[in-house]
Amino acid sequence: ARGDAMETACARSAYAVAGPGPRRVRHATRAGSASRHPSLASRRRASRPSVVRAFGGDADDARDAAPFLVPRDCFSDGTFPPEAKAASSMRLLFTMVALRVVLAQEEGFGNECHDDPSYTELYDDLTTYLQREPLKDPEAWIEKLLRHPKLHCRLAAVRIIEVRGVYASREFDWGETKNIALEEMEACRRTLVAAHLARSAS
């Protein structure tokens, strides 16, 4: 019973600290210690790992926020920093989109006025190649397509490269991606914390 009460108190404290709104991190220090002994506090922070705590606040609080320390071995494939890992996933996404655009173009050639699609030979060859070579590594997949025995498949690989670049640099909404990710994480945070509080209080 004591353990449940402690968990409830901690959960409520965490919710009050995290609260609605953007989450940031800052060092957890003893009240007033940094102001009374700034040099001592600095030496203590340098000599031991930083303790970070999520909290809600306005933009001015970000000035005092401590950065997260991301381990260099956080990904099994050795990719670092996390932005590079995200960029790798984005390249795969853009390649998939570019391939789908080219396939849609081939699917629509000559049938603009008809309901039934008129597939081209290139469409059939690309779908056959995709079934034989699943798109996992975009660069390796395109490089292999550039060595295809059929000329129109090699030219399609060049088209995919060009469409991918145009889509990533001109059409893809990077800002909307950030907004959607933050909004979904915030909604998930609220749902999970509320459910945890309900379980702890019962």
C-alpha atoms as a PDB file:
ATOM      1  CA  ALA A   1       0.000   0.000   0.000  1.00  0.00           C
ATOM      2  CA  ARG A   2       2.850   2.340   0.834  1.00  0.00           C
ATOM      3  CA  GLY A   3       4.471   1.602  -2.500  1.00  0.00           C
ATOM      4  CA  ASP A   4       1.221   2.360  -4.364  1.00  0.00           C
ATOM      5  CA  ALA A   5       0.865   5.643  -2.488  1.00  0.00           C
ATOM      6  CA  MET A   6       4.420   6.642  -3.362  1.00  0.00           C
ATOM      7  CA  GLU A   7       3.853   5.771  -7.027  1.00  0.00           C
ATOM      8  CA  THR A   8       0.679   7.867  -7.067  1.00  0.00           C
ATOM      9  CA  ALA A   9       2.467  10.821  -5.501  1.00  0.00           C
ATOM     10  CA  CYS A  10       5.363  10.540  -7.955  1.00  0.00           C
ATOM     11  CA  ALA A  11       3.018  10.239 -10.912  1.00  0.00           C
ATOM     12  CA  ARG A  12       1.051  13.306  -9.856  1.00  0.00           C
ATOM     13  CA  SER A  13       4.270  15.225  -9.308  1.00  0.00           C
ATOM     14  CA  ALA A  14       5.536  14.208 -12.742  1.00  0.00           C
ATOM     15  CA  TYR A  15       2.279  15.290 -14.370  1.00  0.00           C
ATOM     16  CA  ALA A  16       2.356  18.621 -12.559  1.00  0.00           C
ATOM     17  CA  VAL A  17       5.953  19.143 -13.648  1.00  0.00           C
ATOM     18  CA  ALA A  18       5.437  17.952 -17.215  1.00  0.00           C
ATOM     19  CA  GLY A  19       1.984  19.503 -17.609  1.00  0.00           C
ATOM     20  CA  PRO A  20       0.375  20.453 -20.912  1.00  0.00           C
ATOM     21  CA  GLY A  21       2.503  22.248 -23.457  1.00  0.00           C
ATOM     22  CA  PRO A  22       6.027  21.825 -24.877  1.00  0.00           C
ATOM     23  CA  ARG A  23       8.468  19.737 -22.897  1.00  0.00           C
ATOM     24  CA  ARG A  24      12.010  20.811 -22.231  1.00  0.00           C
ATOM     25  CA  VAL A  25      14.819  19.632 -20.021  1.00  0.00           C
ATOM     26  CA  ARG A  26      16.938  21.317 -17.402  1.00  0.00           C
ATOM     27  CA  HIS A  27      19.375  20.413 -14.699  1.00  0.00           C
ATOM     28  CA  ALA A  28      17.846  19.376 -11.386  1.00  0.00           C
ATOM     29  CA  THR A  29      19.775  21.279  -8.705  1.00  0.00           C
ATOM     30  CA  ARG A  30      19.183  21.952  -5.078  1.00  0.00           C
ATOM     31  CA  ALA A  31      17.151  25.110  -4.549  1.00  0.00           C
ATOM     32  CA  GLY A  32      19.402  28.124  -4.320  1.00  0.00           C
ATOM     33  CA  SER A  33      22.677  26.187  -4.532  1.00  0.00           C
ATOM     34  CA  ALA A  34      23.646  27.575  -7.932  1.00  0.00           C
ATOM     35  CA  SER A  35      23.009  31.187  -6.912  1.00  0.00           C
ATOM     36  CA  ARG A  36      24.934  30.943  -3.609  1.00  0.00           C
ATOM     37  CA  HIS A  37      27.936  28.998  -4.918  1.00  0.00           C
ATOM     38  CA  PRO A  38      28.058  29.249  -8.731  1.00  0.00           C
ATOM     39  CA  SER A  39      31.634  28.061  -9.098  1.00  0.00           C
ATOM     40  CA  LEU A  40      31.074  25.118  -6.768  1.00  0.00           C
ATOM     41  CA  ALA A  41      27.892  24.183  -8.602  1.00  0.00           C
ATOM     42  CA  SER A  42      29.751  24.316 -11.911  1.00  0.00           C
ATOM     43  CA  ARG A  43      32.473  22.016 -10.602  1.00  0.00           C
ATOM     44  CA  ARG A  44      29.881  19.571  -9.299  1.00  0.00           C
ATOM     45  CA  ARG A  45      28.059  19.490 -12.641  1.00  0.00           C
ATOM     46  CA  ALA A  46      31.324  18.855 -14.460  1.00  0.00           C
ATOM     47  CA  SER A  47      32.354  16.021 -12.129  1.00  0.00           C
ATOM     48  CA  ARG A  48      29.145  13.956 -12.274  1.00  0.00           C
ATOM     49  CA  PRO A  49      26.477  13.070 -14.855  1.00  0.00           C
ATOM     50  CA  SER A  50      23.758  15.671 -15.294  1.00  0.00           C
ATOM     51  CA  VAL A  51      20.264  14.919 -14.040  1.00  0.00           C
ATOM     52  CA  VAL A  52      17.655  16.100 -16.510  1.00  0.00           C
ATOM     53  CA  ARG A  53      13.967  16.562 -15.830  1.00  0.00           C
ATOM     54  CA  ALA A  54      11.093  17.291 -18.192  1.00  0.00           C
ATOM     55  CA  PHE A  55       9.012  20.343 -17.368  1.00  0.00           C
ATOM     56  CA  GLY A  56       6.514  22.695 -18.955  1.00  0.00           C
ATOM     57  CA  GLY A  57       7.263  26.350 -19.460  1.00  0.00           C
ATOM     58  CA  ASP A  58       7.532  29.214 -21.880  1.00  0.00           C
ATOM     59  CA  ALA A  59      10.222  30.000 -24.433  1.00  0.00           C
ATOM     60  CA  ASP A  60      12.337  31.923 -21.907  1.00  0.00           C
ATOM     61  CA  ASP A  61      12.900  28.735 -19.891  1.00  0.00           C
ATOM     62  CA  ALA A  62      14.725  27.193 -22.864  1.00  0.00           C
ATOM     63  CA  ARG A  63      17.716  29.441 -22.141  1.00  0.00           C
ATOM     64  CA  ASP A  64      18.451  27.464 -18.973  1.00  0.00           C
ATOM     65  CA  ALA A  65      17.644  24.064 -20.471  1.00  0.00           C
ATOM     66  CA  ALA A  66      20.359  21.438 -20.407  1.00  0.00           C
ATOM     67  CA  PRO A  67      20.934  19.454 -23.628  1.00  0.00           C
ATOM     68  CA  PHE A  68      20.311  15.736 -23.796  1.00  0.00           C
ATOM     69  CA  LEU A  69      23.404  13.589 -23.999  1.00  0.00           C
ATOM     70  CA  VAL A  70      22.785  11.105 -26.814  1.00  0.00           C
ATOM     71  CA  PRO A  71      25.112   8.061 -26.709  1.00  0.00           C
ATOM     72  CA  ARG A  72      27.067   7.545 -29.896  1.00  0.00           C
ATOM     73  CA  ASP A  73      26.150   3.842 -29.876  1.00  0.00           C
ATOM     74  CA  CYS A  74      22.394   4.396 -29.574  1.00  0.00           C
ATOM     75  CA  PHE A  75      21.826   2.717 -32.979  1.00  0.00           C
ATOM     76  CA  SER A  76      23.037  -0.795 -33.693  1.00  0.00           C
ATOM     77  CA  ASP A  77      24.259   0.093 -37.188  1.00  0.00           C
ATOM     78  CA  GLY A  78      26.577   2.794 -35.817  1.00  0.00           C
ATOM     79  CA  THR A  79      24.733   5.705 -37.431  1.00  0.00           C
ATOM     80  CA  PHE A  80      25.223   8.994 -35.572  1.00  0.00           C
ATOM     81  CA  PRO A  81      23.844  11.554 -34.889  1.00  0.00           C
ATOM     82  CA  PRO A  82      20.105  10.745 -34.792  1.00  0.00           C
ATOM     83  CA  GLU A  83      19.545  13.319 -37.537  1.00  0.00           C
ATOM     84  CA  ALA A  84      21.631  11.119 -39.849  1.00  0.00           C
ATOM     85  CA  LYS A  85      19.438   8.149 -38.952  1.00  0.00           C
ATOM     86  CA  ALA A  86      16.343  10.192 -39.754  1.00  0.00           C
ATOM     87  CA  ALA A  87      17.907  11.353 -43.039  1.00  0.00           C
ATOM     88  CA  SER A  88      18.518   7.738 -44.036  1.00  0.00           C
ATOM     89  CA  SER A  89      14.863   6.906 -43.433  1.00  0.00           C
ATOM     90  CA  MET A  90      13.818   9.994 -45.377  1.00  0.00           C
ATOM     91  CA  ARG A  91      15.927   8.951 -48.391  1.00  0.00           C
ATOM     92  CA  LEU A  92      14.101   5.635 -48.427  1.00  0.00           C
ATOM     93  CA  LEU A  93      10.757   7.439 -48.191  1.00  0.00           C
ATOM     94  CA  PHE A  94      11.619   9.823 -51.032  1.00  0.00           C
ATOM     95  CA  THR A  95      12.802   6.941 -53.216  1.00  0.00           C
ATOM     96  CA  MET A  96       9.533   5.083 -52.633  1.00  0.00           C
ATOM     97  CA  VAL A  97       7.564   8.199 -53.541  1.00  0.00           C
ATOM     98  CA  ALA A  98       9.650   8.794 -56.667  1.00  0.00           C
ATOM     99  CA  LEU A  99       9.184   5.184 -57.780  1.00  0.00           C
ATOM    100  CA  ARG A 100       5.442   5.453 -57.265  1.00  0.00           C
ATOM    101  CA  VAL A 101       5.341   8.691 -59.284  1.00  0.00           C
ATOM    102  CA  VAL A 102       7.167   7.055 -62.198  1.00  0.00           C
ATOM    103  CA  LEU A 103       4.886   4.029 -62.031  1.00  0.00           C
ATOM    104  CA  ALA A 104       1.838   6.286 -62.024  1.00  0.00           C
ATOM    105  CA  GLN A 105       3.172   8.110 -65.075  1.00  0.00           C
ATOM    106  CA  GLU A 106       3.687   4.829 -66.907  1.00  0.00           C
ATOM    107  CA  GLU A 107       0.283   3.602 -65.803  1.00  0.00           C
ATOM    108  CA  GLY A 108      -1.372   6.680 -67.261  1.00  0.00           C
ATOM    109  CA  PHE A 109       0.425   6.893 -70.607  1.00  0.00           C
ATOM    110  CA  GLY A 110      -2.133   6.652 -73.429  1.00  0.00           C
ATOM    111  CA  ASN A 111      -5.196   6.164 -71.232  1.00  0.00           C
ATOM    112  CA  GLU A 112      -6.047   9.740 -70.208  1.00  0.00           C
ATOM    113  CA  CYS A 113      -9.550   9.361 -71.659  1.00  0.00           C
ATOM    114  CA  HIS A 114     -10.224   5.827 -70.495  1.00  0.00           C
ATOM    115  CA  ASP A 115     -11.222   4.294 -67.177  1.00  0.00           C
ATOM    116  CA  ASP A 116      -9.161   1.153 -67.620  1.00  0.00           C
ATOM    117  CA  PRO A 117      -5.408   1.616 -67.125  1.00  0.00           C
ATOM    118  CA  SER A 118      -3.089   0.924 -70.008  1.00  0.00           C
ATOM    119  CA  TYR A 119       0.143  -0.366 -68.522  1.00  0.00           C
ATOM    120  CA  THR A 120       3.364   0.112 -70.430  1.00  0.00           C
ATOM    121  CA  GLU A 121       6.183  -2.386 -70.793  1.00  0.00           C
ATOM    122  CA  LEU A 122       8.276  -0.273 -68.432  1.00  0.00           C
ATOM    123  CA  TYR A 123       5.537  -0.472 -65.789  1.00  0.00           C
ATOM    124  CA  ASP A 124       5.578  -4.261 -65.999  1.00  0.00           C
ATOM    125  CA  ASP A 125       9.392  -4.397 -65.892  1.00  0.00           C
ATOM    126  CA  LEU A 126       9.609  -2.057 -62.884  1.00  0.00           C
ATOM    127  CA  THR A 127       7.001  -3.951 -60.888  1.00  0.00           C
ATOM    128  CA  THR A 128       8.726  -7.232 -61.742  1.00  0.00           C
ATOM    129  CA  TYR A 129      12.072  -5.780 -60.661  1.00  0.00           C
ATOM    130  CA  LEU A 130      10.514  -4.488 -57.431  1.00  0.00           C
ATOM    131  CA  GLN A 131       9.149  -7.928 -56.605  1.00  0.00           C
ATOM    132  CA  ARG A 132      12.563  -9.468 -57.226  1.00  0.00           C
ATOM    133  CA  GLU A 133      14.504  -6.689 -55.489  1.00  0.00           C
ATOM    134  CA  PRO A 134      12.541  -5.206 -52.536  1.00  0.00           C
ATOM    135  CA  LEU A 135      13.301  -1.539 -51.911  1.00  0.00           C
ATOM    136  CA  LYS A 136      15.219  -1.460 -48.617  1.00  0.00           C
ATOM    137  CA  ASP A 137      18.492   0.305 -49.385  1.00  0.00           C
ATOM    138  CA  PRO A 138      17.568   3.109 -51.837  1.00  0.00           C
ATOM    139  CA  GLU A 139      21.069   3.737 -53.184  1.00  0.00           C
ATOM    140  CA  ALA A 140      21.835   0.047 -53.720  1.00  0.00           C
ATOM    141  CA  TRP A 141      18.401  -0.497 -55.271  1.00  0.00           C
ATOM    142  CA  ILE A 142      18.821   2.343 -57.771  1.00  0.00           C
ATOM    143  CA  GLU A 143      22.432   1.395 -58.526  1.00  0.00           C
ATOM    144  CA  LYS A 144      21.302  -2.123 -59.410  1.00  0.00           C
ATOM    145  CA  LEU A 145      18.461  -0.775 -61.543  1.00  0.00           C
ATOM    146  CA  LEU A 146      21.016   1.314 -63.452  1.00  0.00           C
ATOM    147  CA  ARG A 147      22.639  -1.994 -64.452  1.00  0.00           C
ATOM    148  CA  HIS A 148      19.377  -3.487 -65.727  1.00  0.00           C
ATOM    149  CA  PRO A 149      19.758  -5.185 -69.123  1.00  0.00           C
ATOM    150  CA  LYS A 150      16.875  -3.149 -70.589  1.00  0.00           C
ATOM    151  CA  LEU A 151      17.596   0.427 -71.571  1.00  0.00           C
ATOM    152  CA  HIS A 152      14.213   1.828 -70.552  1.00  0.00           C
ATOM    153  CA  CYS A 153      14.722   0.458 -67.015  1.00  0.00           C
ATOM    154  CA  ARG A 154      18.097   2.161 -66.778  1.00  0.00           C
ATOM    155  CA  LEU A 155      16.513   5.406 -67.964  1.00  0.00           C
ATOM    156  CA  ALA A 156      13.742   4.910 -65.412  1.00  0.00           C
ATOM    157  CA  ALA A 157      16.383   4.746 -62.691  1.00  0.00           C
ATOM    158  CA  VAL A 158      17.611   8.181 -63.802  1.00  0.00           C
ATOM    159  CA  ARG A 159      14.024   9.456 -63.724  1.00  0.00           C
ATOM    160  CA  ILE A 160      13.611   8.145 -60.182  1.00  0.00           C
ATOM    161  CA  ILE A 161      16.785   9.960 -59.089  1.00  0.00           C
ATOM    162  CA  GLU A 162      15.551  13.227 -60.613  1.00  0.00           C
ATOM    163  CA  VAL A 163      12.000  12.926 -59.248  1.00  0.00           C
ATOM    164  CA  ARG A 164      13.345  12.096 -55.806  1.00  0.00           C
ATOM    165  CA  GLY A 165      15.506  15.211 -55.747  1.00  0.00           C
ATOM    166  CA  VAL A 166      12.736  17.504 -56.940  1.00  0.00           C
ATOM    167  CA  TYR A 167      10.216  16.088 -54.486  1.00  0.00           C
ATOM    168  CA  ALA A 168      12.568  16.348 -51.491  1.00  0.00           C
ATOM    169  CA  SER A 169      13.749  19.875 -52.281  1.00  0.00           C
ATOM    170  CA  ARG A 170      10.550  21.479 -53.618  1.00  0.00           C
ATOM    171  CA  GLU A 171       7.423  19.476 -52.848  1.00  0.00           C
ATOM    172  CA  PHE A 172       7.897  17.799 -49.466  1.00  0.00           C
ATOM    173  CA  ASP A 173       6.721  19.934 -46.533  1.00  0.00           C
ATOM    174  CA  TRP A 174       9.458  19.583 -43.915  1.00  0.00           C
ATOM    175  CA  GLY A 175       7.772  21.992 -41.523  1.00  0.00           C
ATOM    176  CA  GLU A 176       4.509  20.053 -41.606  1.00  0.00           C
ATOM    177  CA  THR A 177       6.429  16.871 -40.830  1.00  0.00           C
ATOM    178  CA  LYS A 178       7.846  18.462 -37.682  1.00  0.00           C
ATOM    179  CA  ASN A 179       4.451  19.799 -36.646  1.00  0.00           C
ATOM    180  CA  ILE A 180       2.716  16.454 -37.115  1.00  0.00           C
ATOM    181  CA  ALA A 181       5.423  14.579 -35.183  1.00  0.00           C
ATOM    182  CA  LEU A 182       5.311  17.012 -32.250  1.00  0.00           C
ATOM    183  CA  GLU A 183       1.514  17.090 -32.147  1.00  0.00           C
ATOM    184  CA  GLU A 184       1.242  13.300 -32.197  1.00  0.00           C
ATOM    185  CA  MET A 185       3.878  12.893 -29.477  1.00  0.00           C
ATOM    186  CA  GLU A 186       2.135  15.484 -27.309  1.00  0.00           C
ATOM    187  CA  ALA A 187      -1.233  13.767 -27.766  1.00  0.00           C
ATOM    188  CA  CYS A 188       0.365  10.425 -26.895  1.00  0.00           C
ATOM    189  CA  ARG A 189       2.045  11.928 -23.823  1.00  0.00           C
ATOM    190  CA  ARG A 190      -1.247  13.301 -22.507  1.00  0.00           C
ATOM    191  CA  THR A 191      -3.051  10.010 -23.082  1.00  0.00           C
ATOM    192  CA  LEU A 192      -0.372   7.857 -21.471  1.00  0.00           C
ATOM    193  CA  VAL A 193       0.139  10.115 -18.428  1.00  0.00           C
ATOM    194  CA  ALA A 194      -3.611  10.370 -17.852  1.00  0.00           C
ATOM    195  CA  ALA A 195      -3.996   6.592 -18.046  1.00  0.00           C
ATOM    196  CA  HIS A 196      -1.056   6.100 -15.679  1.00  0.00           C
ATOM    197  CA  LEU A 197      -2.513   8.548 -13.168  1.00  0.00           C
ATOM    198  CA  ALA A 198      -5.874   6.786 -13.326  1.00  0.00           C
ATOM    199  CA  ARG A 199      -4.262   3.403 -12.659  1.00  0.00           C
ATOM    200  CA  SER A 200      -2.111   4.785  -9.830  1.00  0.00           C
ATOM    201  CA  ALA A 201      -5.053   6.475  -8.124  1.00  0.00           C
ATOM    202  CA  SER A 202      -7.313   3.415  -8.257  1.00  0.00           C
END
